[in-house]
Amino acid sequence: MQSERHIFPRTGFVRLPQILTVIPVSESTWWAGVKSGKYPVGLKHGRCRFWTVEEIHELIERIAKRVGAES
């Protein structure tokens, strides 16, 4: 069985399913994190919510720093 490779863009916008491929949390954990301020709120356009790739990369860097400080 071949593993599926997810490609995360360098710029632009992403929706939640794309984010969850690089930040492995459940949707409910993500939304709880948004509510608590742990994760970015993103932008809403109509019924769709999306995030800039840059803010997700910043989030990944913050998580990496926190994990590095804990070890």
C-alpha atoms as a PDB file:
ATOM      1  CA  MET A   1       0.000   0.000   0.000  1.00  0.00           C
ATOM      2  CA  GLN A   2       1.448   3.356  -1.018  1.00  0.00           C
ATOM      3  CA  SER A   3       1.346   6.125   1.555  1.00  0.00           C
ATOM      4  CA  GLU A   4      -0.447   9.264   0.479  1.00  0.00           C
ATOM      5  CA  ARG A   5       1.771  12.328   0.330  1.00  0.00           C
ATOM      6  CA  HIS A   6       0.201  15.630   1.244  1.00  0.00           C
ATOM      7  CA  ILE A   7       1.604  18.786  -0.293  1.00  0.00           C
ATOM      8  CA  PHE A   8       1.256  21.937   1.743  1.00  0.00           C
ATOM      9  CA  PRO A   9       1.602  25.178  -0.248  1.00  0.00           C
ATOM     10  CA  ARG A  10       4.180  27.866   0.538  1.00  0.00           C
ATOM     11  CA  THR A  11       1.808  30.797   0.004  1.00  0.00           C
ATOM     12  CA  GLY A  12      -1.887  31.422  -0.421  1.00  0.00           C
ATOM     13  CA  PHE A  13      -4.818  30.136   1.552  1.00  0.00           C
ATOM     14  CA  VAL A  14      -5.747  26.758   3.012  1.00  0.00           C
ATOM     15  CA  ARG A  15      -8.857  25.237   4.486  1.00  0.00           C
ATOM     16  CA  LEU A  16      -9.065  23.087   7.583  1.00  0.00           C
ATOM     17  CA  PRO A  17      -8.667  19.655   5.910  1.00  0.00           C
ATOM     18  CA  GLN A  18      -5.318  20.809   4.492  1.00  0.00           C
ATOM     19  CA  ILE A  19      -4.205  22.159   7.863  1.00  0.00           C
ATOM     20  CA  LEU A  20      -5.028  18.909   9.617  1.00  0.00           C
ATOM     21  CA  THR A  21      -2.629  17.068   7.290  1.00  0.00           C
ATOM     22  CA  VAL A  22       0.305  18.974   8.820  1.00  0.00           C
ATOM     23  CA  ILE A  23      -1.049  19.565  12.338  1.00  0.00           C
ATOM     24  CA  PRO A  24      -2.411  16.180  13.409  1.00  0.00           C
ATOM     25  CA  VAL A  25      -5.274  17.105  15.719  1.00  0.00           C
ATOM     26  CA  SER A  26      -8.979  16.400  15.430  1.00  0.00           C
ATOM     27  CA  GLU A  27     -11.405  19.020  14.140  1.00  0.00           C
ATOM     28  CA  SER A  28     -12.910  19.445  17.599  1.00  0.00           C
ATOM     29  CA  THR A  29      -9.432  19.970  19.099  1.00  0.00           C
ATOM     30  CA  TRP A  30      -8.683  22.534  16.389  1.00  0.00           C
ATOM     31  CA  TRP A  31     -11.874  24.492  17.062  1.00  0.00           C
ATOM     32  CA  ALA A  32     -11.272  24.372  20.829  1.00  0.00           C
ATOM     33  CA  GLY A  33      -7.789  25.742  20.154  1.00  0.00           C
ATOM     34  CA  VAL A  34      -9.226  28.531  18.008  1.00  0.00           C
ATOM     35  CA  LYS A  35     -11.658  29.404  20.780  1.00  0.00           C
ATOM     36  CA  SER A  36      -8.897  29.450  23.409  1.00  0.00           C
ATOM     37  CA  GLY A  37      -6.496  31.461  21.234  1.00  0.00           C
ATOM     38  CA  LYS A  38      -4.014  28.611  20.779  1.00  0.00           C
ATOM     39  CA  TYR A  39      -4.711  28.402  17.016  1.00  0.00           C
ATOM     40  CA  PRO A  40      -5.417  31.255  14.584  1.00  0.00           C
ATOM     41  CA  VAL A  41      -9.020  32.241  13.860  1.00  0.00           C
ATOM     42  CA  GLY A  42      -8.563  32.544  10.111  1.00  0.00           C
ATOM     43  CA  LEU A  43     -10.781  34.461   7.751  1.00  0.00           C
ATOM     44  CA  LYS A  44     -14.404  33.851   6.923  1.00  0.00           C
ATOM     45  CA  HIS A  45     -15.913  34.350   3.495  1.00  0.00           C
ATOM     46  CA  GLY A  46     -19.576  33.422   3.384  1.00  0.00           C
ATOM     47  CA  ARG A  47     -19.818  29.955   4.926  1.00  0.00           C
ATOM     48  CA  CYS A  48     -16.169  29.121   4.237  1.00  0.00           C
ATOM     49  CA  ARG A  49     -13.300  29.669   6.615  1.00  0.00           C
ATOM     50  CA  PHE A  50      -9.711  29.705   5.460  1.00  0.00           C
ATOM     51  CA  TRP A  51      -6.287  30.560   6.806  1.00  0.00           C
ATOM     52  CA  THR A  52      -3.243  32.103   5.203  1.00  0.00           C
ATOM     53  CA  VAL A  53      -0.424  29.644   4.703  1.00  0.00           C
ATOM     54  CA  GLU A  54       1.890  32.102   6.424  1.00  0.00           C
ATOM     55  CA  GLU A  55      -0.094  32.036   9.682  1.00  0.00           C
ATOM     56  CA  ILE A  56      -0.098  28.224   9.637  1.00  0.00           C
ATOM     57  CA  HIS A  57       3.684  28.165   9.091  1.00  0.00           C
ATOM     58  CA  GLU A  58       4.029  30.564  12.052  1.00  0.00           C
ATOM     59  CA  LEU A  59       1.873  28.227  14.145  1.00  0.00           C
ATOM     60  CA  ILE A  60       4.064  25.255  13.176  1.00  0.00           C
ATOM     61  CA  GLU A  61       7.181  27.225  14.206  1.00  0.00           C
ATOM     62  CA  ARG A  62       5.608  28.133  17.589  1.00  0.00           C
ATOM     63  CA  ILE A  63       4.689  24.491  18.209  1.00  0.00           C
ATOM     64  CA  ALA A  64       8.211  23.353  17.236  1.00  0.00           C
ATOM     65  CA  LYS A  65       9.796  25.894  19.616  1.00  0.00           C
ATOM     66  CA  ARG A  66       7.516  24.823  22.458  1.00  0.00           C
ATOM     67  CA  VAL A  67       8.259  21.142  21.888  1.00  0.00           C
ATOM     68  CA  GLY A  68      11.988  21.900  21.663  1.00  0.00           C
ATOM     69  CA  ALA A  69      11.877  23.813  24.949  1.00  0.00           C
ATOM     70  CA  GLU A  70      10.109  20.911  26.672  1.00  0.00           C
ATOM     71  CA  SER A  71      12.771  18.346  25.701  1.00  0.00           C
END
